[in-house]
Amino acid sequence: MEFFERLYGEAPFALRHISNFGFPYLSPLEITFLEATITNEEIKRVLFNMAPLKAPENDGYHVYFFQSQWNTLGNGVCPAVSYLFFINDLVIFCKAQLDQVRLLDNILNQFYDISGHRISVRKSNIFFSKVTGVDVQNQITQMFRFQEVQNQ
């Protein structure tokens, strides 16, 4: 319990002493493998290796249904499954305090070091609550270089 209190609590400075949070680094070969396009043949192989009476979703259709109707449904199933591997939206909530923002910046840099993926600054936005001071907003916006979304 104490570990999670330190991890998610209000005192993030305790995490700064852990160099890489214990995560292994991915080799360039592993990153390339993870970035590879998922093929229809791979999706079919996984589906046909599943137990026929498993129901992967709450739609009630057992795997056997997809296996037996593959020639009819396969071309529709593959794009839907492939799409799941490209969902890359993320919303991060953080207090608009410089120490919190520096910690978030550190975490994002470690994410890059581990995964090889950088956050696209031009595709990213930042939103501040109405009570966040203009000076703090400017400092945080300059640090991340994200486009600020105005509070309506």
N, C-alpha and C. Protein backbone atom coordinates (compact mmCIF):
# COMPACT_ATOMS: atom_id res chain seq x y z
N MET A 1 0.82 -1.18 0.00
CA MET A 1 0.00 0.00 0.00
C MET A 1 0.88 1.26 0.00
N GLU A 2 1.93 1.23 0.80
CA GLU A 2 2.81 2.38 0.90
C GLU A 2 3.45 2.70 -0.45
N PHE A 3 3.80 1.65 -1.21
CA PHE A 3 4.39 1.85 -2.53
C PHE A 3 3.47 2.69 -3.41
N PHE A 4 2.15 2.34 -3.44
CA PHE A 4 1.21 3.05 -4.29
C PHE A 4 0.91 4.44 -3.77
N GLU A 5 0.95 4.61 -2.46
CA GLU A 5 0.78 5.95 -1.91
C GLU A 5 1.92 6.86 -2.36
N ARG A 6 3.15 6.32 -2.35
CA ARG A 6 4.29 7.11 -2.82
C ARG A 6 4.20 7.34 -4.33
N LEU A 7 3.75 6.31 -5.05
CA LEU A 7 3.68 6.39 -6.51
C LEU A 7 2.64 7.39 -6.97
N TYR A 8 1.45 7.36 -6.37
CA TYR A 8 0.35 8.20 -6.83
C TYR A 8 0.02 9.35 -5.89
N GLY A 9 0.76 9.47 -4.81
CA GLY A 9 0.47 10.50 -3.82
C GLY A 9 0.96 11.87 -4.22
N GLU A 10 0.91 12.76 -3.28
CA GLU A 10 1.26 14.17 -3.51
C GLU A 10 2.75 14.46 -3.37
N ALA A 11 3.57 13.47 -3.10
CA ALA A 11 5.00 13.70 -2.91
C ALA A 11 5.79 12.98 -4.00
N PRO A 12 5.76 13.48 -5.24
CA PRO A 12 6.41 12.79 -6.35
C PRO A 12 7.93 12.81 -6.27
N PHE A 13 8.51 13.66 -5.43
CA PHE A 13 9.96 13.76 -5.37
C PHE A 13 10.60 12.43 -4.99
N ALA A 14 9.89 11.54 -4.33
CA ALA A 14 10.45 10.24 -3.94
C ALA A 14 10.78 9.39 -5.16
N LEU A 15 10.10 9.63 -6.28
CA LEU A 15 10.33 8.84 -7.48
C LEU A 15 11.57 9.30 -8.25
N ARG A 16 12.04 10.48 -8.00
CA ARG A 16 13.16 11.00 -8.77
C ARG A 16 14.44 10.21 -8.58
N HIS A 17 14.53 9.46 -7.50
CA HIS A 17 15.75 8.72 -7.22
C HIS A 17 15.77 7.35 -7.90
N ILE A 18 14.69 6.98 -8.54
CA ILE A 18 14.63 5.69 -9.23
C ILE A 18 14.97 5.97 -10.69
N SER A 19 16.07 5.43 -11.17
CA SER A 19 16.59 5.82 -12.48
C SER A 19 15.64 5.50 -13.62
N ASN A 20 15.13 4.29 -13.70
CA ASN A 20 14.25 3.96 -14.83
C ASN A 20 12.99 3.24 -14.38
N PHE A 21 12.62 3.40 -13.12
CA PHE A 21 11.41 2.81 -12.57
C PHE A 21 11.41 1.29 -12.71
N GLY A 22 12.56 0.69 -12.92
CA GLY A 22 12.65 -0.76 -13.01
C GLY A 22 12.19 -1.33 -14.33
N PHE A 23 11.85 -0.48 -15.30
CA PHE A 23 11.42 -0.99 -16.59
C PHE A 23 12.63 -1.34 -17.44
N PRO A 24 12.58 -2.44 -18.14
CA PRO A 24 13.68 -2.77 -19.04
C PRO A 24 13.61 -1.88 -20.28
N TYR A 25 14.75 -1.64 -20.85
CA TYR A 25 14.79 -0.86 -22.08
C TYR A 25 14.57 -1.79 -23.26
N LEU A 26 13.88 -1.31 -24.28
CA LEU A 26 13.64 -2.09 -25.47
C LEU A 26 14.79 -1.89 -26.45
N SER A 27 15.21 -2.96 -27.05
CA SER A 27 16.26 -2.87 -28.06
C SER A 27 15.64 -2.32 -29.34
N PRO A 28 16.45 -1.80 -30.25
CA PRO A 28 15.91 -1.33 -31.53
C PRO A 28 15.16 -2.43 -32.28
N LEU A 29 15.63 -3.66 -32.18
CA LEU A 29 14.96 -4.78 -32.84
C LEU A 29 13.57 -5.02 -32.23
N GLU A 30 13.47 -4.93 -30.90
CA GLU A 30 12.18 -5.10 -30.23
C GLU A 30 11.21 -3.96 -30.60
N ILE A 31 11.73 -2.75 -30.69
CA ILE A 31 10.88 -1.62 -31.08
C ILE A 31 10.37 -1.81 -32.49
N THR A 32 11.24 -2.24 -33.39
CA THR A 32 10.84 -2.49 -34.78
C THR A 32 9.75 -3.56 -34.83
N PHE A 33 9.92 -4.62 -34.04
CA PHE A 33 8.92 -5.69 -33.99
C PHE A 33 7.57 -5.15 -33.52
N LEU A 34 7.58 -4.33 -32.47
CA LEU A 34 6.34 -3.80 -31.92
C LEU A 34 5.68 -2.79 -32.86
N GLU A 35 6.46 -2.13 -33.71
CA GLU A 35 5.91 -1.15 -34.63
C GLU A 35 5.43 -1.77 -35.94
N ALA A 36 5.73 -3.05 -36.15
CA ALA A 36 5.37 -3.70 -37.41
C ALA A 36 3.86 -3.75 -37.56
N THR A 37 3.41 -3.69 -38.79
CA THR A 37 2.00 -3.78 -39.11
C THR A 37 1.49 -5.18 -38.79
N ILE A 38 0.33 -5.23 -38.17
CA ILE A 38 -0.31 -6.51 -37.89
C ILE A 38 -0.96 -6.98 -39.18
N THR A 39 -0.64 -8.20 -39.62
CA THR A 39 -1.18 -8.70 -40.88
C THR A 39 -2.48 -9.45 -40.66
N ASN A 40 -3.27 -9.55 -41.72
CA ASN A 40 -4.52 -10.31 -41.66
C ASN A 40 -4.23 -11.77 -41.32
N GLU A 41 -3.13 -12.30 -41.83
CA GLU A 41 -2.78 -13.70 -41.56
C GLU A 41 -2.48 -13.91 -40.07
N GLU A 42 -1.84 -12.93 -39.43
CA GLU A 42 -1.57 -13.03 -37.99
C GLU A 42 -2.87 -13.01 -37.19
N ILE A 43 -3.79 -12.14 -37.58
CA ILE A 43 -5.08 -12.06 -36.89
C ILE A 43 -5.83 -13.38 -37.05
N LYS A 44 -5.83 -13.92 -38.26
CA LYS A 44 -6.50 -15.19 -38.51
C LYS A 44 -5.86 -16.31 -37.68
N ARG A 45 -4.54 -16.35 -37.65
CA ARG A 45 -3.85 -17.40 -36.90
C ARG A 45 -4.20 -17.34 -35.41
N VAL A 46 -4.23 -16.14 -34.84
CA VAL A 46 -4.57 -16.00 -33.43
C VAL A 46 -6.03 -16.42 -33.19
N LEU A 47 -6.93 -15.98 -34.05
CA LEU A 47 -8.33 -16.32 -33.90
C LEU A 47 -8.55 -17.83 -33.98
N PHE A 48 -7.87 -18.48 -34.91
CA PHE A 48 -8.05 -19.92 -35.09
C PHE A 48 -7.32 -20.72 -34.01
N ASN A 49 -6.44 -20.10 -33.25
CA ASN A 49 -5.79 -20.78 -32.13
C ASN A 49 -6.56 -20.62 -30.82
N MET A 50 -7.63 -19.83 -30.85
CA MET A 50 -8.45 -19.63 -29.66
C MET A 50 -9.44 -20.78 -29.49
N ALA A 51 -9.83 -21.04 -28.26
CA ALA A 51 -10.85 -22.06 -27.99
C ALA A 51 -12.16 -21.62 -28.64
N PRO A 52 -12.83 -22.51 -29.37
CA PRO A 52 -14.01 -22.12 -30.15
C PRO A 52 -15.17 -21.54 -29.33
N LEU A 53 -15.29 -21.91 -28.08
CA LEU A 53 -16.43 -21.43 -27.30
C LEU A 53 -16.12 -20.21 -26.45
N LYS A 54 -14.97 -19.61 -26.66
CA LYS A 54 -14.64 -18.35 -25.99
C LYS A 54 -15.45 -17.23 -26.64
N ALA A 55 -15.87 -16.27 -25.84
CA ALA A 55 -16.57 -15.09 -26.36
C ALA A 55 -15.69 -13.89 -26.05
N PRO A 56 -14.87 -13.44 -27.02
CA PRO A 56 -13.92 -12.36 -26.74
C PRO A 56 -14.57 -11.02 -26.40
N GLU A 57 -15.78 -10.79 -26.80
CA GLU A 57 -16.47 -9.53 -26.50
C GLU A 57 -17.80 -9.84 -25.86
N ASN A 58 -18.47 -8.81 -25.39
CA ASN A 58 -19.77 -9.01 -24.76
C ASN A 58 -20.90 -9.04 -25.78
N ASP A 59 -20.56 -9.17 -27.07
CA ASP A 59 -21.60 -9.26 -28.10
C ASP A 59 -22.24 -10.65 -28.15
N GLY A 60 -21.67 -11.61 -27.42
CA GLY A 60 -22.25 -12.95 -27.34
C GLY A 60 -21.79 -13.89 -28.43
N TYR A 61 -21.02 -13.39 -29.39
CA TYR A 61 -20.54 -14.26 -30.47
C TYR A 61 -19.31 -15.02 -29.99
N HIS A 62 -19.40 -16.33 -30.09
CA HIS A 62 -18.26 -17.16 -29.74
C HIS A 62 -17.23 -17.12 -30.85
N VAL A 63 -16.01 -17.47 -30.51
CA VAL A 63 -14.93 -17.50 -31.49
C VAL A 63 -15.28 -18.43 -32.65
N TYR A 64 -16.00 -19.52 -32.34
CA TYR A 64 -16.38 -20.47 -33.39
C TYR A 64 -17.15 -19.79 -34.52
N PHE A 65 -17.99 -18.82 -34.16
CA PHE A 65 -18.74 -18.08 -35.18
C PHE A 65 -17.78 -17.42 -36.17
N PHE A 66 -16.77 -16.74 -35.64
CA PHE A 66 -15.81 -16.06 -36.52
C PHE A 66 -14.95 -17.06 -37.29
N GLN A 67 -14.60 -18.17 -36.63
CA GLN A 67 -13.81 -19.20 -37.30
C GLN A 67 -14.59 -19.82 -38.46
N SER A 68 -15.85 -20.16 -38.21
CA SER A 68 -16.65 -20.84 -39.23
C SER A 68 -17.06 -19.89 -40.36
N GLN A 69 -17.11 -18.60 -40.08
CA GLN A 69 -17.54 -17.62 -41.08
C GLN A 69 -16.38 -16.76 -41.59
N TRP A 70 -15.16 -17.25 -41.40
CA TRP A 70 -13.98 -16.45 -41.74
C TRP A 70 -14.00 -15.96 -43.18
N ASN A 71 -14.37 -16.82 -44.12
CA ASN A 71 -14.35 -16.43 -45.53
C ASN A 71 -15.31 -15.28 -45.82
N THR A 72 -16.36 -15.17 -45.03
CA THR A 72 -17.32 -14.08 -45.21
C THR A 72 -16.94 -12.85 -44.39
N LEU A 73 -16.51 -13.06 -43.14
CA LEU A 73 -16.28 -11.96 -42.21
C LEU A 73 -14.83 -11.50 -42.08
N GLY A 74 -13.89 -12.32 -42.52
CA GLY A 74 -12.47 -12.03 -42.29
C GLY A 74 -12.04 -10.65 -42.74
N ASN A 75 -12.51 -10.24 -43.91
CA ASN A 75 -12.10 -8.92 -44.43
C ASN A 75 -12.67 -7.78 -43.60
N GLY A 76 -13.74 -8.02 -42.87
CA GLY A 76 -14.31 -6.99 -42.00
C GLY A 76 -13.72 -7.02 -40.60
N VAL A 77 -13.32 -8.22 -40.15
CA VAL A 77 -12.77 -8.37 -38.81
C VAL A 77 -11.36 -7.80 -38.73
N CYS A 78 -10.54 -8.08 -39.73
CA CYS A 78 -9.13 -7.67 -39.70
C CYS A 78 -8.93 -6.17 -39.54
N PRO A 79 -9.61 -5.32 -40.32
CA PRO A 79 -9.41 -3.88 -40.11
C PRO A 79 -9.83 -3.42 -38.72
N ALA A 80 -10.91 -4.01 -38.19
CA ALA A 80 -11.36 -3.63 -36.85
C ALA A 80 -10.33 -4.01 -35.80
N VAL A 81 -9.74 -5.18 -35.92
CA VAL A 81 -8.72 -5.62 -34.97
C VAL A 81 -7.45 -4.80 -35.15
N SER A 82 -7.04 -4.57 -36.38
CA SER A 82 -5.82 -3.80 -36.66
C SER A 82 -5.93 -2.39 -36.09
N TYR A 83 -7.13 -1.82 -36.14
CA TYR A 83 -7.33 -0.46 -35.65
C TYR A 83 -6.97 -0.34 -34.17
N LEU A 84 -7.21 -1.39 -33.42
CA LEU A 84 -6.91 -1.36 -31.99
C LEU A 84 -5.44 -1.10 -31.71
N PHE A 85 -4.57 -1.44 -32.64
CA PHE A 85 -3.14 -1.27 -32.44
C PHE A 85 -2.67 0.13 -32.79
N PHE A 86 -3.57 0.99 -33.26
CA PHE A 86 -3.18 2.34 -33.63
C PHE A 86 -3.85 3.41 -32.79
N ILE A 87 -4.55 3.01 -31.77
CA ILE A 87 -5.16 3.99 -30.89
C ILE A 87 -4.04 4.60 -30.05
N ASN A 88 -3.87 5.90 -30.19
CA ASN A 88 -2.73 6.51 -29.52
C ASN A 88 -3.07 7.83 -28.85
N ASP A 89 -4.31 8.01 -28.48
CA ASP A 89 -4.68 9.22 -27.77
C ASP A 89 -4.49 9.00 -26.27
N LEU A 90 -4.05 10.04 -25.61
CA LEU A 90 -3.81 9.96 -24.18
C LEU A 90 -4.16 11.30 -23.55
N VAL A 91 -4.86 11.25 -22.45
CA VAL A 91 -5.16 12.45 -21.69
C VAL A 91 -4.45 12.32 -20.35
N ILE A 92 -3.64 13.32 -20.02
CA ILE A 92 -2.90 13.32 -18.76
C ILE A 92 -3.39 14.49 -17.93
N PHE A 93 -3.72 14.20 -16.68
CA PHE A 93 -4.13 15.25 -15.75
C PHE A 93 -2.99 15.50 -14.78
N CYS A 94 -2.75 16.77 -14.50
CA CYS A 94 -1.64 17.13 -13.63
C CYS A 94 -1.97 18.48 -12.99
N LYS A 95 -1.54 18.65 -11.77
CA LYS A 95 -1.68 19.96 -11.15
C LYS A 95 -0.78 20.94 -11.88
N ALA A 96 -1.26 22.13 -12.07
CA ALA A 96 -0.48 23.16 -12.75
C ALA A 96 0.51 23.79 -11.78
N GLN A 97 1.45 22.96 -11.31
CA GLN A 97 2.53 23.41 -10.43
C GLN A 97 3.83 22.98 -11.08
N LEU A 98 4.82 23.83 -11.02
CA LEU A 98 6.06 23.57 -11.73
C LEU A 98 6.74 22.27 -11.31
N ASP A 99 6.70 21.90 -10.03
CA ASP A 99 7.33 20.65 -9.62
C ASP A 99 6.60 19.44 -10.22
N GLN A 100 5.27 19.52 -10.30
CA GLN A 100 4.49 18.45 -10.91
C GLN A 100 4.79 18.35 -12.42
N VAL A 101 4.91 19.50 -13.05
CA VAL A 101 5.17 19.53 -14.49
C VAL A 101 6.57 19.01 -14.79
N ARG A 102 7.54 19.34 -13.96
CA ARG A 102 8.90 18.81 -14.16
C ARG A 102 8.91 17.29 -14.02
N LEU A 103 8.16 16.78 -13.06
CA LEU A 103 8.06 15.34 -12.88
C LEU A 103 7.40 14.70 -14.11
N LEU A 104 6.34 15.29 -14.60
CA LEU A 104 5.68 14.78 -15.80
C LEU A 104 6.64 14.80 -16.98
N ASP A 105 7.39 15.86 -17.13
CA ASP A 105 8.39 15.95 -18.20
C ASP A 105 9.42 14.83 -18.07
N ASN A 106 9.85 14.56 -16.84
CA ASN A 106 10.80 13.48 -16.59
C ASN A 106 10.20 12.13 -16.99
N ILE A 107 8.94 11.91 -16.63
CA ILE A 107 8.26 10.66 -16.98
C ILE A 107 8.14 10.51 -18.49
N LEU A 108 7.79 11.58 -19.17
CA LEU A 108 7.66 11.52 -20.64
C LEU A 108 9.02 11.25 -21.30
N ASN A 109 10.08 11.83 -20.75
CA ASN A 109 11.42 11.57 -21.28
C ASN A 109 11.82 10.12 -21.05
N GLN A 110 11.47 9.57 -19.89
CA GLN A 110 11.76 8.16 -19.63
C GLN A 110 10.96 7.26 -20.56
N PHE A 111 9.72 7.65 -20.85
CA PHE A 111 8.91 6.91 -21.81
C PHE A 111 9.63 6.86 -23.16
N TYR A 112 10.17 8.00 -23.57
CA TYR A 112 10.91 8.03 -24.83
C TYR A 112 12.14 7.12 -24.76
N ASP A 113 12.90 7.22 -23.67
CA ASP A 113 14.10 6.39 -23.52
C ASP A 113 13.77 4.90 -23.59
N ILE A 114 12.65 4.52 -22.99
CA ILE A 114 12.27 3.10 -22.94
C ILE A 114 11.68 2.63 -24.26
N SER A 115 10.78 3.44 -24.84
CA SER A 115 10.02 2.98 -26.00
C SER A 115 10.58 3.46 -27.33
N GLY A 116 11.31 4.56 -27.32
CA GLY A 116 11.78 5.13 -28.58
C GLY A 116 10.74 6.04 -29.23
N HIS A 117 9.60 6.23 -28.58
CA HIS A 117 8.53 7.07 -29.14
C HIS A 117 8.49 8.41 -28.45
N ARG A 118 8.46 9.47 -29.26
CA ARG A 118 8.33 10.81 -28.73
C ARG A 118 6.90 11.29 -28.91
N ILE A 119 6.49 12.18 -28.03
CA ILE A 119 5.17 12.80 -28.16
C ILE A 119 5.26 13.86 -29.24
N SER A 120 4.29 13.87 -30.13
CA SER A 120 4.25 14.85 -31.20
C SER A 120 3.78 16.18 -30.64
N VAL A 121 4.67 17.16 -30.61
CA VAL A 121 4.32 18.48 -30.06
C VAL A 121 3.25 19.13 -30.92
N ARG A 122 3.33 18.96 -32.22
CA ARG A 122 2.36 19.64 -33.08
C ARG A 122 0.98 19.02 -32.99
N LYS A 123 0.87 17.76 -32.53
CA LYS A 123 -0.43 17.11 -32.38
C LYS A 123 -0.94 17.16 -30.94
N SER A 124 -0.20 17.81 -30.05
CA SER A 124 -0.56 17.81 -28.64
C SER A 124 -1.09 19.17 -28.21
N ASN A 125 -2.02 19.14 -27.28
CA ASN A 125 -2.61 20.36 -26.74
C ASN A 125 -2.50 20.35 -25.23
N ILE A 126 -2.59 21.55 -24.66
CA ILE A 126 -2.58 21.68 -23.21
C ILE A 126 -3.75 22.59 -22.83
N PHE A 127 -4.40 22.23 -21.75
CA PHE A 127 -5.57 22.96 -21.28
C PHE A 127 -5.36 23.30 -19.81
N PHE A 128 -5.64 24.53 -19.45
CA PHE A 128 -5.50 24.98 -18.07
C PHE A 128 -6.87 25.34 -17.49
N SER A 129 -7.03 25.09 -16.21
CA SER A 129 -8.27 25.51 -15.55
C SER A 129 -8.29 27.03 -15.45
N LYS A 130 -9.45 27.57 -15.18
CA LYS A 130 -9.62 29.02 -15.08
C LYS A 130 -8.83 29.63 -13.93
N VAL A 131 -8.50 28.83 -12.93
CA VAL A 131 -7.82 29.38 -11.75
C VAL A 131 -6.29 29.35 -11.88
N THR A 132 -5.77 28.80 -12.97
CA THR A 132 -4.32 28.75 -13.16
C THR A 132 -3.82 30.12 -13.60
N GLY A 133 -2.84 30.66 -12.89
CA GLY A 133 -2.29 31.97 -13.21
C GLY A 133 -1.62 32.01 -14.58
N VAL A 134 -1.65 33.17 -15.20
CA VAL A 134 -1.10 33.35 -16.54
C VAL A 134 0.41 33.06 -16.56
N ASP A 135 1.14 33.48 -15.53
CA ASP A 135 2.59 33.22 -15.48
C ASP A 135 2.88 31.72 -15.46
N VAL A 136 2.13 30.99 -14.65
CA VAL A 136 2.32 29.54 -14.58
C VAL A 136 1.96 28.90 -15.93
N GLN A 137 0.87 29.34 -16.52
CA GLN A 137 0.47 28.82 -17.83
C GLN A 137 1.58 29.03 -18.86
N ASN A 138 2.16 30.23 -18.87
CA ASN A 138 3.22 30.54 -19.83
C ASN A 138 4.46 29.67 -19.61
N GLN A 139 4.83 29.48 -18.35
CA GLN A 139 6.01 28.66 -18.05
C GLN A 139 5.79 27.21 -18.49
N ILE A 140 4.63 26.68 -18.18
CA ILE A 140 4.33 25.28 -18.54
C ILE A 140 4.23 25.13 -20.05
N THR A 141 3.56 26.05 -20.71
CA THR A 141 3.43 25.99 -22.17
C THR A 141 4.80 26.06 -22.84
N GLN A 142 5.69 26.91 -22.34
CA GLN A 142 7.03 27.01 -22.90
C GLN A 142 7.83 25.72 -22.67
N MET A 143 7.63 25.08 -21.52
CA MET A 143 8.36 23.86 -21.22
C MET A 143 8.00 22.74 -22.19
N PHE A 144 6.69 22.55 -22.43
CA PHE A 144 6.25 21.45 -23.28
C PHE A 144 6.11 21.83 -24.75
N ARG A 145 5.93 23.11 -25.02
CA ARG A 145 5.73 23.61 -26.39
C ARG A 145 4.45 23.06 -27.02
N PHE A 146 3.47 22.68 -26.18
CA PHE A 146 2.17 22.23 -26.69
C PHE A 146 1.32 23.45 -26.98
N GLN A 147 0.40 23.29 -27.91
CA GLN A 147 -0.53 24.37 -28.23
C GLN A 147 -1.55 24.45 -27.10
N GLU A 148 -1.78 25.67 -26.61
CA GLU A 148 -2.74 25.86 -25.54
C GLU A 148 -4.15 25.94 -26.09
N VAL A 149 -5.06 25.19 -25.50
CA VAL A 149 -6.48 25.26 -25.83
C VAL A 149 -7.10 26.23 -24.86
N GLN A 150 -7.76 27.24 -25.39
CA GLN A 150 -8.33 28.29 -24.55
C GLN A 150 -9.56 27.79 -23.80
N ASN A 151 -9.67 28.20 -22.56
CA ASN A 151 -10.80 27.84 -21.71
C ASN A 151 -11.98 28.71 -22.11
N GLN A 152 -13.05 28.10 -22.55
CA GLN A 152 -14.23 28.84 -23.04
C GLN A 152 -15.13 29.23 -21.90
